[in-house]
């Protein structure tokens, strides 16, 4: 059987309720497109608040002003030559405290930024995005339905290329020197007349099955005509003889 080159059956990683359905079965989607959204109003509000806090530099600006003030007092005091030792110590301490307050303000802002990243990561769990360009093959749940981590929600496939996994004998794979990039000829069982297309070996398993005396090989073919995955096919790793030319399609 031919298979889609990529398949993703997607689930939410939390127990939640489906709030928005963005796609329908059979729809083509681009990688990153939002397909399902869970009930996320509370987290969305927390995320908006955290974005404001992570952009708020007022504490840093205030600490910078305080540091400039203490630096000025320090410089003027030491320039006057009229300070006692205790006054000098006090100015030094106040300056160091202002420096520490500025560093702490920077740490606080960075903490808010990290917290924002954490909330963004949590928010992503409330959305199901297309993992690759493909077609929505199946929708398992609708708006308002509750789901958990074991509930299949949506299935996306990429059938722009098809995979076939024949199992030739280990002896044949060695004789033909099959490896990644080797050519293959695939006869797809279409109604009326089969079609022959040239494919490429993607993978040859390094371990043969000693019981069945077979070795799994993965072959890829382009699928510009949108043949359905699951269509049966036969694979040859030796160039077909001329009588098969009438079955060739580009």
Protein backbone atom coordinates (compact mmCIF):
# COMPACT_ATOMS: atom_id res chain seq x y z
CA UNK A 1 0.00 0.00 0.00
CA UNK A 2 1.08 3.56 -0.67
CA UNK A 3 1.21 5.85 2.36
CA UNK A 4 1.19 9.62 2.87
CA UNK A 5 4.72 10.87 3.40
CA UNK A 6 3.62 12.64 6.60
CA UNK A 7 0.74 12.01 8.98
CA UNK A 8 -0.09 13.83 12.21
CA UNK A 9 -2.95 12.87 14.52
CA UNK A 10 -3.08 15.77 16.93
CA UNK A 11 -4.32 16.12 20.51
CA UNK A 12 -4.41 18.84 23.12
CA UNK A 13 -1.86 18.26 25.87
CA UNK A 14 -4.37 19.37 28.51
CA UNK A 15 -7.95 18.57 29.49
CA UNK A 16 -10.02 21.37 28.01
CA UNK A 17 -13.02 22.31 25.88
CA UNK A 18 -12.89 23.04 22.15
CA UNK A 19 -13.86 26.69 21.63
CA UNK A 20 -13.10 27.49 17.96
CA UNK A 21 -12.86 25.35 14.82
CA UNK A 22 -10.83 27.14 12.16
CA UNK A 23 -10.76 24.49 9.42
CA UNK A 24 -12.93 21.82 7.84
CA UNK A 25 -12.23 18.34 6.53
CA UNK A 26 -10.53 18.34 3.15
CA UNK A 27 -9.12 21.83 3.59
CA UNK A 28 -5.52 22.51 2.65
CA UNK A 29 -3.49 24.11 5.42
CA UNK A 30 -0.09 25.74 5.62
CA UNK A 31 2.42 24.95 8.33
CA UNK A 32 1.64 26.97 11.46
CA UNK A 33 -2.01 27.60 10.61
CA UNK A 34 -4.27 27.45 13.70
CA UNK A 35 -6.80 24.65 13.24
CA UNK A 36 -8.35 24.27 16.69
CA UNK A 37 -8.48 26.52 19.73
CA UNK A 38 -9.42 25.55 23.27
CA UNK A 39 -11.20 27.76 25.81
CA UNK A 40 -8.41 30.18 26.66
CA UNK A 41 -9.95 33.50 27.78
CA UNK A 42 -8.38 33.45 31.25
CA UNK A 43 -4.91 32.60 29.97
CA UNK A 44 -5.20 35.13 27.14
CA UNK A 45 -5.93 37.87 29.70
CA UNK A 46 -2.98 36.78 31.84
CA UNK A 47 -0.77 36.81 28.75
CA UNK A 48 -1.86 40.34 27.83
CA UNK A 49 -1.15 41.55 31.38
CA UNK A 50 2.26 39.89 31.37
CA UNK A 51 3.14 41.51 28.04
CA UNK A 52 2.47 44.92 29.60
CA UNK A 53 4.61 44.11 32.62
CA UNK A 54 7.47 42.79 30.51
CA UNK A 55 7.60 46.07 28.56
CA UNK A 56 7.42 48.30 31.64
CA UNK A 57 10.85 49.93 32.10
CA UNK A 58 9.76 52.46 34.72
CA UNK A 59 11.61 50.70 37.54
CA UNK A 60 14.84 50.74 35.53
CA UNK A 61 14.40 54.40 34.54
CA UNK A 62 13.75 55.36 38.17
CA UNK A 63 16.81 53.42 39.34
CA UNK A 64 18.97 55.05 36.65
CA UNK A 65 17.85 58.50 37.79
CA UNK A 66 18.57 57.61 41.42
CA UNK A 67 22.02 56.37 40.44
CA UNK A 68 22.81 59.58 38.56
CA UNK A 69 21.72 61.60 41.60
CA UNK A 70 23.87 59.57 43.99
CA UNK A 71 26.81 59.72 41.58
CA UNK A 72 26.51 63.50 41.45
CA UNK A 73 26.35 63.77 45.26
CA UNK A 74 29.32 61.46 45.56
CA UNK A 75 31.45 63.38 43.09
CA UNK A 76 30.59 66.80 44.53
CA UNK A 77 31.16 65.62 48.08
CA UNK A 78 34.60 64.19 47.38
CA UNK A 79 35.53 67.26 45.32
CA UNK A 80 34.77 69.61 48.22
CA UNK A 81 37.54 68.18 50.43
CA UNK A 82 35.40 69.08 53.48
CA UNK A 83 33.88 65.67 54.26
CA UNK A 84 34.55 63.65 57.35
CA UNK A 85 35.39 59.97 56.99
CA UNK A 86 31.91 58.95 58.08
CA UNK A 87 30.35 61.24 55.45
CA UNK A 88 32.58 59.75 52.78
CA UNK A 89 31.57 56.25 53.82
CA UNK A 90 27.91 57.28 53.71
CA UNK A 91 28.27 58.62 50.16
CA UNK A 92 30.08 55.45 49.05
CA UNK A 93 27.39 53.26 50.57
CA UNK A 94 24.55 55.27 49.02
CA UNK A 95 26.21 55.07 45.60
CA UNK A 96 26.69 51.31 45.85
CA UNK A 97 23.07 50.90 46.95
CA UNK A 98 21.90 52.89 43.91
CA UNK A 99 23.98 50.63 41.65
CA UNK A 100 22.49 47.53 43.26
CA UNK A 101 18.97 48.89 42.89
CA UNK A 102 19.56 49.42 39.18
CA UNK A 103 20.87 45.89 38.77
CA UNK A 104 17.87 44.55 40.69
CA UNK A 105 15.51 46.53 38.46
CA UNK A 106 17.11 44.90 35.41
CA UNK A 107 16.76 41.47 37.00
CA UNK A 108 13.10 42.18 37.77
CA UNK A 109 12.41 43.14 34.15
CA UNK A 110 14.20 40.04 32.87
CA UNK A 111 12.11 37.95 35.26
CA UNK A 112 8.96 39.43 33.76
CA UNK A 113 10.23 38.64 30.25
CA UNK A 114 10.91 35.02 31.22
CA UNK A 115 7.47 34.77 32.78
CA UNK A 116 6.04 36.04 29.47
CA UNK A 117 7.86 33.28 27.60
CA UNK A 118 6.42 30.74 30.03
CA UNK A 119 2.88 32.00 29.47
CA UNK A 120 3.38 31.95 25.70
CA UNK A 121 4.45 28.32 25.99
CA UNK A 122 1.34 27.53 28.02
CA UNK A 123 -0.85 29.41 25.55
CA UNK A 124 0.46 27.28 22.68
CA UNK A 125 -1.04 24.26 24.42
CA UNK A 126 -4.48 25.76 23.83
CA UNK A 127 -4.03 25.78 20.05
CA UNK A 128 -3.45 23.06 17.50
CA UNK A 129 -1.34 24.32 14.60
CA UNK A 130 -0.62 22.53 11.34
CA UNK A 131 2.79 20.84 11.74
CA UNK A 132 3.39 20.91 7.98
CA UNK A 133 1.70 21.86 4.70
CA UNK A 134 -1.03 19.31 4.12
CA UNK A 135 -4.72 18.46 4.05
CA UNK A 136 -7.11 18.09 6.98
CA UNK A 137 -8.15 14.47 6.58
CA UNK A 138 -10.39 14.04 9.60
CA UNK A 139 -12.00 16.14 12.34
CA UNK A 140 -12.72 14.15 15.48
CA UNK A 141 -14.36 16.75 17.78
CA UNK A 142 -16.52 19.85 17.38
CA UNK A 143 -17.07 23.13 19.22
CA UNK A 144 -18.14 22.67 22.82
CA UNK A 145 -16.81 19.14 23.22
CA UNK A 146 -14.55 18.36 26.13
CA UNK A 147 -11.26 16.64 25.40
CA UNK A 148 -8.29 15.30 27.33
CA UNK A 149 -4.74 14.25 26.52
CA UNK A 150 -5.93 10.96 24.99
CA UNK A 151 -8.57 12.45 22.68
CA UNK A 152 -7.70 12.53 18.97
CA UNK A 153 -8.83 15.94 17.74
CA UNK A 154 -7.65 16.34 14.16
CA UNK A 155 -5.63 14.42 11.60
CA UNK A 156 -3.47 16.12 8.96
CA UNK A 157 -1.74 14.33 6.08
CA UNK A 158 0.72 15.31 3.40
CA UNK A 159 0.12 13.18 0.32
CA UNK A 160 2.05 15.40 -2.11
CA UNK A 161 4.56 12.57 -2.03
CA UNK A 162 3.75 8.94 -1.31
CA UNK A 163 5.78 6.27 0.40
CA UNK A 164 5.86 2.59 -0.40
CA UNK A 165 7.67 0.08 1.80
CA UNK A 166 8.35 -3.15 -0.08
CA UNK A 167 10.26 -5.97 1.52
CA UNK A 168 12.74 -7.53 -0.92
CA UNK A 169 15.09 -10.26 0.10
CA UNK A 170 18.39 -9.24 1.71
CA UNK A 171 20.18 -10.98 -1.15
CA UNK A 172 18.45 -8.76 -3.72
CA UNK A 173 19.22 -5.58 -1.78
CA UNK A 174 22.90 -6.57 -1.69
CA UNK A 175 22.98 -7.65 -5.32
CA UNK A 176 21.39 -4.40 -6.47
CA UNK A 177 23.39 -2.34 -3.96
CA UNK A 178 20.28 -0.59 -2.73
CA UNK A 179 20.98 2.55 -0.72
CA UNK A 180 19.59 5.99 -0.13
CA UNK A 181 19.14 7.67 -3.52
CA UNK A 182 18.90 4.45 -5.54
CA UNK A 183 16.25 4.55 -8.32
CA UNK A 184 13.04 2.55 -8.10
CA UNK A 185 10.16 1.99 -10.51
CA UNK A 186 6.67 1.92 -9.05
CA UNK A 187 3.61 0.47 -10.79
CA UNK A 188 0.56 2.10 -9.19
CA UNK A 189 -2.66 0.06 -9.45
CA UNK A 190 -5.03 2.65 -10.94
CA UNK A 191 -8.44 1.80 -12.43
CA UNK A 192 -8.34 0.92 -16.10
CA UNK A 193 -4.59 0.91 -16.55
CA UNK A 194 -1.79 1.03 -14.00
CA UNK A 195 0.69 3.87 -14.07
CA UNK A 196 4.43 3.52 -13.80
CA UNK A 197 6.44 6.29 -12.15
CA UNK A 198 10.05 6.54 -11.15
CA UNK A 199 10.81 6.94 -7.47
CA UNK A 200 13.77 7.14 -5.14
CA UNK A 201 14.92 4.94 -2.28
CA UNK A 202 14.81 6.93 0.95
CA UNK A 203 15.92 4.28 3.39
CA UNK A 204 17.12 0.69 3.60
CA UNK A 205 16.85 -0.87 7.04
CA UNK A 206 20.22 -2.07 8.36
CA UNK A 207 18.54 -5.11 9.95
CA UNK A 208 17.01 -7.92 7.90
CA UNK A 209 14.20 -10.15 9.19
CA UNK A 210 15.73 -13.59 9.54
CA UNK A 211 12.33 -15.31 9.81
CA UNK A 212 10.79 -13.94 6.61
CA UNK A 213 14.12 -13.35 4.85
CA UNK A 214 13.10 -9.81 3.95
CA UNK A 215 14.55 -6.36 4.34
CA UNK A 216 12.38 -3.25 4.53
CA UNK A 217 13.00 -0.51 1.99
CA UNK A 218 11.24 2.86 1.84
CA UNK A 219 10.58 4.35 -1.60
CA UNK A 220 9.19 7.82 -2.32
CA UNK A 221 7.29 8.96 -5.42
CA UNK A 222 5.90 12.37 -6.32
CA UNK A 223 2.10 12.58 -6.40
CA UNK A 224 1.13 15.56 -8.60
CA UNK A 225 -2.12 13.84 -9.66
CA UNK A 226 -3.29 13.45 -6.05
CA UNK A 227 -3.63 9.68 -6.12
CA UNK A 228 -5.16 8.58 -2.83
CA UNK A 229 -2.80 7.14 -0.27
CA UNK A 230 -3.61 3.48 0.28
CA UNK A 231 -3.63 2.68 -3.44
CA UNK A 232 -1.71 -0.51 -4.01
CA UNK A 233 1.54 -0.54 -5.94
CA UNK A 234 4.38 -2.81 -6.96
CA UNK A 235 8.03 -1.83 -6.86
CA UNK A 236 10.96 -2.85 -9.00
CA UNK A 237 14.55 -1.89 -8.30
CA UNK A 238 15.66 -2.90 -11.79
CA UNK A 239 14.86 -0.78 -14.84
CA UNK A 240 11.76 -2.12 -16.59
CA UNK A 241 12.03 -3.51 -20.09
CA UNK A 242 10.70 -1.44 -23.05
CA UNK A 243 7.29 -3.17 -23.12
CA UNK A 244 6.43 -1.31 -19.93
CA UNK A 245 6.96 2.12 -21.53
CA UNK A 246 3.28 2.54 -22.33
CA UNK A 247 2.52 2.59 -18.63
CA UNK A 248 4.96 5.40 -17.82
CA UNK A 249 3.70 8.75 -16.60
CA UNK A 250 5.84 11.76 -15.83
